[in-house]
Amino acid sequence: MLDNTENTNDSVHSNEQQESQHQISIVPPESAGKSTLKIKKKVITEEYKLAGQVLGVGINGKVWEIFQKKSGKNYALKMLRDTPKARREVELHCRASSFPCIVGIEDVFANYYQGKKCLLLIMECMEGGELFHHIKERGDQAFTEREALEIMRNIGEAVEFLHGINIAHRDLKPENLLYTSKHPDAQLKLTDFGFAKETTSNNCLTTPCYTPYYVAPEVLGPEKYDKSCDMWSLGVIMYILLCGYPPFYSNHGLLLSPGMKKRIRNGQYEFPNPEWSQVSEEAKQLICQLLKTNPTERMTITQFMNHSWISVIGKHILHRQRTTQELQILTMDFLNIIFIFVPIFLFPFLYHNDIVMFFFLVRPLVKV
């Protein structure tokens, strides 16, 4: 997923130094063309400073860390060749970036870089890393159902929003899901709209855009398809979270072997033990509904979000909050009993002292 960071950083530093000397690092184009985006034409270095660190590589470009001069806040800079395809990627991402489960966009610049016209996308910096790396760190230890459920609900909310505004992401995978921070309760957000496409009932998808492990069977063939391809990818991600490996893979070291294609098209996968012995039947049933080879039979995002395995998280959270509140009340009651009755039993002669009784009986009941 990531380039050799050391070599890439050296290249970035070299470019930055050369551009600084000539003061022509990035020059605004004369015309950015017609666009619904609020694209800035000024030189990006007027507002931001490149840190030089490569954060990652998407399907359409590298991502660098960058700092806003005014606030000092760090962001992620993605550089794209200014093409109609790149404009579409940026426009669709901008349209969705206000949603909490989508990586936000701060600015978009149209500049020249090394003599080539490009788009510079300034996004929020996701410092918690990819879900993919979190999966790798687990090794053979899969996520618990509780952990997987919370992750899948986050992803589902992002997909639900996109499908609601008729956008198919077409590249749902752990590498494109980033955490806001390294905190255990960090928000998981979807990014990289390089394959995203607007789709309606009258506008089917035909281009075979995909990542092998997560591709839906209809995308592999010549037939038209729609945003339900994202639901298949959700099923693959959920499968990986619960056992640590994908449902479809090549036995010959290829990214997409003929045998793997056949298994995807036929929906041939299993829930082998011991990895799946402790996973609930409800979770397995949900995966089966997501990995339907016929798109018309496949679960929609609305059905997914309303599925009992997903929606139960809300009940669990409410129960956890209620339990915490009840525990706090019980703790206060217990402390009140101690402060009220223990002094009475130890010092009964104080009953006749109204002032002392007020101190022992009333004061503990007053919240401070």
Protein backbone atom coordinates (compact mmCIF):
# COMPACT_ATOMS: atom_id res chain seq x y z
CA MET A 1 0.00 0.00 0.00
CA LEU A 2 2.66 2.50 1.01
CA ASP A 3 5.72 3.46 -0.98
CA ASN A 4 9.22 3.26 0.42
CA THR A 5 8.85 6.21 2.76
CA GLU A 6 12.53 7.01 3.05
CA ASN A 7 13.12 7.23 -0.69
CA THR A 8 9.89 9.12 -1.30
CA ASN A 9 10.70 11.65 1.41
CA ASP A 10 14.09 12.28 -0.13
CA SER A 11 12.41 13.02 -3.44
CA VAL A 12 9.90 15.38 -1.85
CA HIS A 13 12.57 17.28 0.04
CA SER A 14 14.61 17.62 -3.14
CA ASN A 15 11.65 18.99 -5.07
CA GLU A 16 10.75 21.36 -2.26
CA GLN A 17 14.29 22.76 -2.05
CA GLN A 18 14.56 23.18 -5.82
CA GLU A 19 11.20 24.91 -6.02
CA SER A 20 12.06 27.17 -3.09
CA GLN A 21 15.24 28.32 -4.84
CA HIS A 22 13.46 29.19 -8.09
CA GLN A 23 10.26 30.35 -6.38
CA ILE A 24 8.18 28.75 -9.12
CA SER A 25 7.20 25.60 -7.26
CA ILE A 26 3.53 25.67 -8.11
CA VAL A 27 2.00 28.28 -10.42
CA PRO A 28 -1.73 28.84 -10.79
CA PRO A 29 -3.09 28.06 -14.27
CA GLU A 30 -4.66 30.87 -16.26
CA SER A 31 -8.02 29.16 -16.24
CA ALA A 32 -9.27 26.36 -14.06
CA GLY A 33 -12.20 25.70 -16.41
CA LYS A 34 -15.83 25.42 -15.53
CA SER A 35 -16.48 23.53 -12.32
CA THR A 36 -19.02 23.38 -9.53
CA LEU A 37 -16.11 23.23 -7.08
CA LYS A 38 -14.74 26.23 -5.24
CA ILE A 39 -11.25 25.79 -6.61
CA LYS A 40 -8.60 28.29 -5.57
CA LYS A 41 -6.22 29.52 -8.26
CA LYS A 42 -3.66 31.11 -5.95
CA VAL A 43 -0.33 29.42 -5.26
CA ILE A 44 -0.89 26.82 -2.55
CA THR A 45 2.31 27.82 -0.74
CA GLU A 46 0.68 31.15 0.14
CA GLU A 47 -1.52 29.29 2.63
CA TYR A 48 0.22 25.95 3.26
CA LYS A 49 3.67 24.54 3.88
CA LEU A 50 4.64 21.06 2.69
CA ALA A 51 6.10 18.91 5.47
CA GLY A 52 7.71 16.41 3.11
CA GLN A 53 6.32 13.29 4.78
CA VAL A 54 4.41 10.91 2.52
CA LEU A 55 1.39 9.61 4.41
CA GLY A 56 0.27 7.10 1.81
CA VAL A 57 -0.55 6.36 -1.80
CA GLY A 58 -4.04 6.13 -3.29
CA ILE A 59 -5.02 4.74 -6.68
CA ASN A 60 -4.65 8.17 -8.25
CA GLY A 61 -1.80 9.81 -6.36
CA LYS A 62 0.44 10.22 -3.32
CA VAL A 63 -0.67 11.85 -0.09
CA TRP A 64 1.66 14.24 1.78
CA GLU A 65 1.42 15.89 5.18
CA ILE A 66 0.94 19.65 4.90
CA PHE A 67 0.54 22.49 7.41
CA GLN A 68 -1.76 25.50 7.22
CA LYS A 69 0.39 28.57 7.85
CA LYS A 70 -2.32 30.58 9.57
CA SER A 71 -3.44 27.97 12.10
CA GLY A 72 -0.47 25.59 12.16
CA LYS A 73 -2.90 22.70 11.79
CA ASN A 74 -1.76 19.69 9.80
CA TYR A 75 -3.67 18.33 6.82
CA ALA A 76 -3.19 15.74 4.11
CA LEU A 77 -2.35 16.88 0.57
CA LYS A 78 -3.34 14.73 -2.38
CA MET A 79 -2.01 15.76 -5.77
CA LEU A 80 -3.84 14.73 -8.95
CA ARG A 81 -3.20 15.42 -12.62
CA ASP A 82 -5.92 17.85 -13.66
CA THR A 83 -8.04 15.61 -15.88
CA PRO A 84 -11.81 15.15 -16.25
CA LYS A 85 -11.49 11.94 -14.21
CA ALA A 86 -9.65 13.76 -11.41
CA ARG A 87 -12.23 16.55 -11.45
CA ARG A 88 -14.96 13.96 -11.04
CA GLU A 89 -13.12 12.37 -8.11
CA VAL A 90 -12.68 15.70 -6.34
CA GLU A 91 -16.22 16.84 -7.06
CA LEU A 92 -17.81 13.65 -5.71
CA HIS A 93 -15.55 13.69 -2.65
CA CYS A 94 -16.39 17.34 -1.98
CA ARG A 95 -20.08 16.58 -2.29
CA ALA A 96 -19.78 13.91 0.41
CA SER A 97 -17.06 15.36 2.65
CA SER A 98 -19.41 17.09 5.09
CA PHE A 99 -20.65 13.72 6.35
CA PRO A 100 -18.97 12.61 9.62
CA CYS A 101 -17.95 9.18 8.26
CA ILE A 102 -16.27 10.63 5.15
CA VAL A 103 -12.79 12.20 5.24
CA GLY A 104 -13.33 15.96 5.10
CA ILE A 105 -11.97 18.36 2.49
CA GLU A 106 -10.59 21.74 3.59
CA ASP A 107 -9.45 23.28 0.29
CA VAL A 108 -8.94 22.54 -3.39
CA PHE A 109 -6.29 24.32 -5.49
CA ALA A 110 -5.71 24.31 -9.24
CA ASN A 111 -1.97 24.87 -9.75
CA TYR A 112 0.93 23.88 -11.95
CA TYR A 113 3.45 21.47 -10.46
CA GLN A 114 6.69 20.74 -12.34
CA GLY A 115 5.12 22.18 -15.47
CA LYS A 116 1.97 20.06 -15.29
CA LYS A 117 -1.51 21.23 -14.47
CA CYS A 118 -2.78 19.56 -11.32
CA LEU A 119 -5.43 19.59 -8.62
CA LEU A 120 -4.32 19.84 -5.00
CA LEU A 121 -6.78 18.38 -2.54
CA ILE A 122 -6.36 19.46 1.11
CA MET A 123 -8.02 16.91 3.40
CA GLU A 124 -8.21 16.35 7.13
CA CYS A 125 -5.18 14.43 8.39
CA MET A 126 -6.17 10.97 9.57
CA GLU A 127 -3.48 10.17 12.13
CA GLY A 128 -4.83 6.79 13.23
CA GLY A 129 -3.81 5.00 10.06
CA GLU A 130 -5.65 2.55 7.84
CA LEU A 131 -8.04 -0.14 9.00
CA PHE A 132 -5.85 -2.41 6.85
CA HIS A 133 -2.87 -1.86 9.15
CA HIS A 134 -5.01 -2.51 12.22
CA ILE A 135 -6.04 -5.84 10.69
CA LYS A 136 -2.41 -6.72 9.91
CA GLU A 137 -1.34 -5.88 13.47
CA ARG A 138 -3.85 -8.41 14.76
CA GLY A 139 -2.08 -11.19 12.89
CA ASP A 140 -4.04 -14.41 13.38
CA GLN A 141 -6.27 -12.82 16.00
CA ALA A 142 -9.54 -11.70 14.44
CA PHE A 143 -11.70 -8.86 15.73
CA THR A 144 -14.40 -9.71 18.22
CA GLU A 145 -17.99 -9.46 17.01
CA ARG A 146 -18.40 -6.34 19.14
CA GLU A 147 -15.38 -4.69 17.49
CA ALA A 148 -16.37 -5.82 14.00
CA LEU A 149 -19.92 -4.63 14.56
CA GLU A 150 -18.84 -1.10 15.45
CA ILE A 151 -16.49 -0.96 12.44
CA MET A 152 -19.15 -2.25 10.05
CA ARG A 153 -21.70 0.21 11.37
CA ASN A 154 -19.27 3.09 10.72
CA ILE A 155 -18.63 1.90 7.17
CA GLY A 156 -22.33 1.28 6.65
CA GLU A 157 -23.18 4.85 7.65
CA ALA A 158 -20.72 6.19 5.05
CA VAL A 159 -22.12 3.92 2.33
CA GLU A 160 -25.69 4.75 3.32
CA PHE A 161 -24.94 8.45 2.85
CA LEU A 162 -23.23 7.91 -0.51
CA HIS A 163 -25.97 5.69 -1.89
CA GLY A 164 -28.52 8.22 -0.65
CA ILE A 165 -26.99 10.85 -2.94
CA ASN A 166 -26.56 8.32 -5.79
CA ILE A 167 -22.81 7.80 -5.50
CA ALA A 168 -21.22 4.37 -5.85
CA HIS A 169 -17.77 4.29 -4.22
CA ARG A 170 -16.61 1.12 -6.06
CA ASP A 171 -13.43 0.73 -4.01
CA LEU A 172 -14.49 -0.13 -0.48
CA LYS A 173 -11.56 -1.81 1.25
CA PRO A 174 -9.64 -1.52 4.55
CA GLU A 175 -6.92 0.56 2.86
CA ASN A 176 -9.48 3.29 2.14
CA LEU A 177 -10.83 3.40 5.69
CA LEU A 178 -8.84 5.66 8.01
CA TYR A 179 -8.95 6.44 11.73
CA THR A 180 -8.92 10.05 12.88
CA SER A 181 -6.40 9.27 15.65
CA LYS A 182 -4.74 6.43 17.55
CA HIS A 183 -7.27 6.75 20.38
CA PRO A 184 -9.35 3.57 20.97
CA ASP A 185 -12.56 5.52 20.31
CA ALA A 186 -11.29 7.21 17.13
CA GLN A 187 -13.72 7.78 14.27
CA LEU A 188 -13.34 5.58 11.17
CA LYS A 189 -13.81 7.44 7.87
CA LEU A 190 -13.98 6.54 4.19
CA THR A 191 -11.66 8.15 1.65
CA ASP A 192 -10.28 7.83 -1.92
CA PHE A 193 -13.01 8.55 -4.46
CA GLY A 194 -10.82 7.61 -7.44
CA PHE A 195 -13.30 4.95 -8.59
CA ALA A 196 -16.44 6.72 -7.36
CA LYS A 197 -19.19 7.40 -9.87
CA GLU A 198 -22.58 9.02 -9.79
CA THR A 199 -25.26 6.49 -10.61
CA THR A 200 -29.02 6.53 -11.06
CA SER A 201 -31.63 4.08 -12.31
CA ASN A 202 -31.05 5.46 -15.81
CA ASN A 203 -27.26 5.53 -15.53
CA CYS A 204 -25.74 2.08 -15.02
CA LEU A 205 -22.03 1.44 -14.49
CA THR A 206 -19.98 -0.45 -17.06
CA THR A 207 -16.28 0.22 -16.39
CA PRO A 208 -14.62 -2.68 -14.51
CA CYS A 209 -13.12 -0.65 -11.63
CA TYR A 210 -12.14 -2.79 -8.67
CA THR A 211 -9.60 -4.19 -6.23
CA PRO A 212 -9.40 -8.01 -6.69
CA TYR A 213 -10.21 -9.23 -3.16
CA TYR A 214 -13.29 -7.02 -2.86
CA VAL A 215 -14.73 -7.08 -6.39
CA ALA A 216 -18.35 -8.11 -6.95
CA PRO A 217 -18.95 -10.83 -9.58
CA GLU A 218 -20.97 -8.57 -11.90
CA VAL A 219 -18.05 -6.11 -12.09
CA LEU A 220 -15.77 -8.84 -13.46
CA GLY A 221 -18.00 -9.45 -16.47
CA PRO A 222 -19.13 -7.33 -19.41
CA GLU A 223 -22.59 -6.74 -17.96
CA LYS A 224 -23.79 -3.46 -16.50
CA TYR A 225 -23.89 -3.01 -12.74
CA ASP A 226 -24.94 -0.51 -10.09
CA LYS A 227 -24.07 0.65 -6.57
CA SER A 228 -24.95 -2.77 -5.13
CA CYS A 229 -21.32 -3.68 -5.91
CA ASP A 230 -20.46 -1.73 -2.74
CA MET A 231 -22.61 -4.14 -0.71
CA TRP A 232 -20.55 -7.10 -1.88
CA SER A 233 -17.40 -5.28 -0.75
CA LEU A 234 -19.02 -4.71 2.66
CA GLY A 235 -19.54 -8.45 2.95
CA VAL A 236 -15.89 -9.16 2.14
CA ILE A 237 -14.68 -6.61 4.71
CA MET A 238 -16.97 -8.06 7.38
CA TYR A 239 -15.71 -11.58 6.59
CA ILE A 240 -12.08 -10.45 6.93
CA LEU A 241 -12.73 -8.70 10.25
CA LEU A 242 -14.28 -11.81 11.79
CA CYS A 243 -11.65 -14.34 10.72
CA GLY A 244 -8.55 -12.47 9.55
CA TYR A 245 -8.48 -13.53 5.88
CA PRO A 246 -10.63 -12.90 2.76
CA PRO A 247 -13.37 -15.24 1.51
CA PHE A 248 -11.88 -15.26 -2.01
CA TYR A 249 -8.16 -15.48 -2.75
CA SER A 250 -5.76 -16.94 -5.28
CA ASN A 251 -3.94 -20.19 -4.56
CA HIS A 252 -1.19 -19.38 -7.06
CA GLY A 253 0.15 -16.07 -5.77
CA LEU A 254 -1.76 -14.03 -8.35
CA LEU A 255 -3.89 -11.06 -7.44
CA LEU A 256 -6.79 -12.47 -9.44
CA SER A 257 -6.35 -15.98 -10.80
CA PRO A 258 -8.89 -17.74 -13.07
CA GLY A 259 -9.85 -19.99 -10.18
CA MET A 260 -10.44 -17.02 -7.89
CA LYS A 261 -12.61 -15.35 -10.55
CA LYS A 262 -14.67 -18.52 -10.85
CA ARG A 263 -15.19 -18.74 -7.07
CA ILE A 264 -16.25 -15.09 -6.94
CA ARG A 265 -18.72 -15.52 -9.81
CA ASN A 266 -20.16 -18.67 -8.20
CA GLY A 267 -20.09 -17.28 -4.68
CA GLN A 268 -18.00 -20.20 -3.43
CA TYR A 269 -16.72 -19.55 0.08
CA GLU A 270 -16.91 -21.24 3.48
CA PHE A 271 -16.97 -20.52 7.20
CA PRO A 272 -14.28 -23.00 8.31
CA ASN A 273 -13.49 -23.91 11.89
CA PRO A 274 -11.88 -23.07 14.21
CA GLU A 275 -11.95 -19.43 13.04
CA TRP A 276 -15.73 -19.33 12.66
CA SER A 277 -16.72 -21.63 15.52
CA GLN A 278 -17.28 -18.73 17.93
CA VAL A 279 -18.96 -16.39 15.42
CA SER A 280 -22.74 -16.06 15.72
CA GLU A 281 -25.06 -17.51 13.09
CA GLU A 282 -26.58 -14.06 12.78
CA ALA A 283 -23.25 -12.61 11.61
CA LYS A 284 -22.72 -15.45 9.13
CA GLN A 285 -26.24 -15.01 7.79
CA LEU A 286 -25.60 -11.30 7.25
CA ILE A 287 -22.43 -12.05 5.28
CA CYS A 288 -24.36 -14.52 3.12
CA GLN A 289 -26.93 -11.85 2.29
CA LEU A 290 -24.17 -9.43 1.30
CA LEU A 291 -22.31 -11.97 -0.84
CA LYS A 292 -25.24 -12.85 -3.09
CA THR A 293 -23.93 -13.28 -6.64
CA ASN A 294 -27.18 -11.90 -8.08
CA PRO A 295 -27.20 -8.13 -7.40
CA THR A 296 -31.01 -8.03 -7.30
CA GLU A 297 -31.00 -10.54 -4.42
CA ARG A 298 -28.20 -8.79 -2.57
CA MET A 299 -28.99 -6.82 0.57
CA THR A 300 -29.36 -3.05 0.15
CA ILE A 301 -27.62 -0.58 2.44
CA THR A 302 -30.93 0.24 4.14
CA GLN A 303 -31.54 -3.44 4.87
CA PHE A 304 -27.97 -3.75 6.11
CA MET A 305 -28.30 -0.86 8.56
CA ASN A 306 -31.63 -2.24 9.82
CA HIS A 307 -30.33 -5.79 10.23
CA SER A 308 -30.53 -7.00 13.82
CA TRP A 309 -26.78 -7.74 13.97
CA ILE A 310 -26.02 -4.10 13.07
CA SER A 311 -28.83 -2.27 14.86
CA VAL A 312 -28.18 -4.12 18.14
CA ILE A 313 -25.14 -1.88 18.69
CA GLY A 314 -27.46 1.00 19.55
CA LYS A 315 -29.16 -1.10 22.20
CA HIS A 316 -25.80 -2.15 23.62
CA ILE A 317 -24.59 1.44 23.83
CA LEU A 318 -27.82 2.56 25.50
CA HIS A 319 -27.56 -0.34 27.92
CA ARG A 320 -23.95 0.52 28.67
CA GLN A 321 -24.84 4.18 29.26
CA ARG A 322 -27.80 3.20 31.43
CA THR A 323 -25.67 0.78 33.42
CA THR A 324 -23.06 3.49 33.99
CA GLN A 325 -25.71 5.95 35.17
CA GLU A 326 -27.27 3.34 37.47
CA LEU A 327 -23.85 2.53 38.90
CA GLN A 328 -23.25 6.21 39.62
CA ILE A 329 -26.61 6.46 41.41
CA LEU A 330 -25.94 3.32 43.45
CA THR A 331 -22.51 4.65 44.38
CA MET A 332 -24.02 7.94 45.59
CA ASP A 333 -26.68 6.05 47.57
CA PHE A 334 -24.03 3.85 49.16
CA LEU A 335 -21.92 6.86 50.14
CA ASN A 336 -24.99 8.61 51.55
CA ILE A 337 -25.78 5.58 53.70
CA ILE A 338 -22.22 5.48 55.00
CA PHE A 339 -22.13 9.20 55.82
CA ILE A 340 -25.59 9.18 57.40
CA PHE A 341 -25.93 5.99 59.39
CA VAL A 342 -22.38 5.10 60.37
CA PRO A 343 -21.93 8.30 62.43
CA ILE A 344 -25.35 7.71 64.05
CA PHE A 345 -24.40 4.24 65.24
CA LEU A 346 -20.94 5.28 66.32
CA PHE A 347 -21.97 8.54 68.01
CA PRO A 348 -25.62 8.21 69.15
CA PHE A 349 -25.18 11.03 71.66
CA LEU A 350 -24.98 13.42 68.71
CA TYR A 351 -28.71 12.89 67.96
CA HIS A 352 -29.55 15.79 70.23
CA ASN A 353 -27.19 18.17 68.51
CA ASP A 354 -29.20 19.73 65.69
CA ILE A 355 -26.24 21.42 64.05
CA VAL A 356 -24.13 18.27 63.91
CA MET A 357 -27.13 16.24 62.70
CA PHE A 358 -27.60 18.72 59.87
CA PHE A 359 -23.95 18.25 58.90
CA PHE A 360 -24.23 14.46 58.85
CA LEU A 361 -27.73 14.03 57.38
CA VAL A 362 -28.23 16.91 54.97
CA ARG A 363 -24.80 17.80 53.63
CA PRO A 364 -24.04 14.36 52.07
CA LEU A 365 -27.28 14.54 50.08
CA VAL A 366 -26.30 17.82 48.48
CA LYS A 367 -24.29 17.44 45.26
CA VAL A 368 -21.19 19.56 45.11
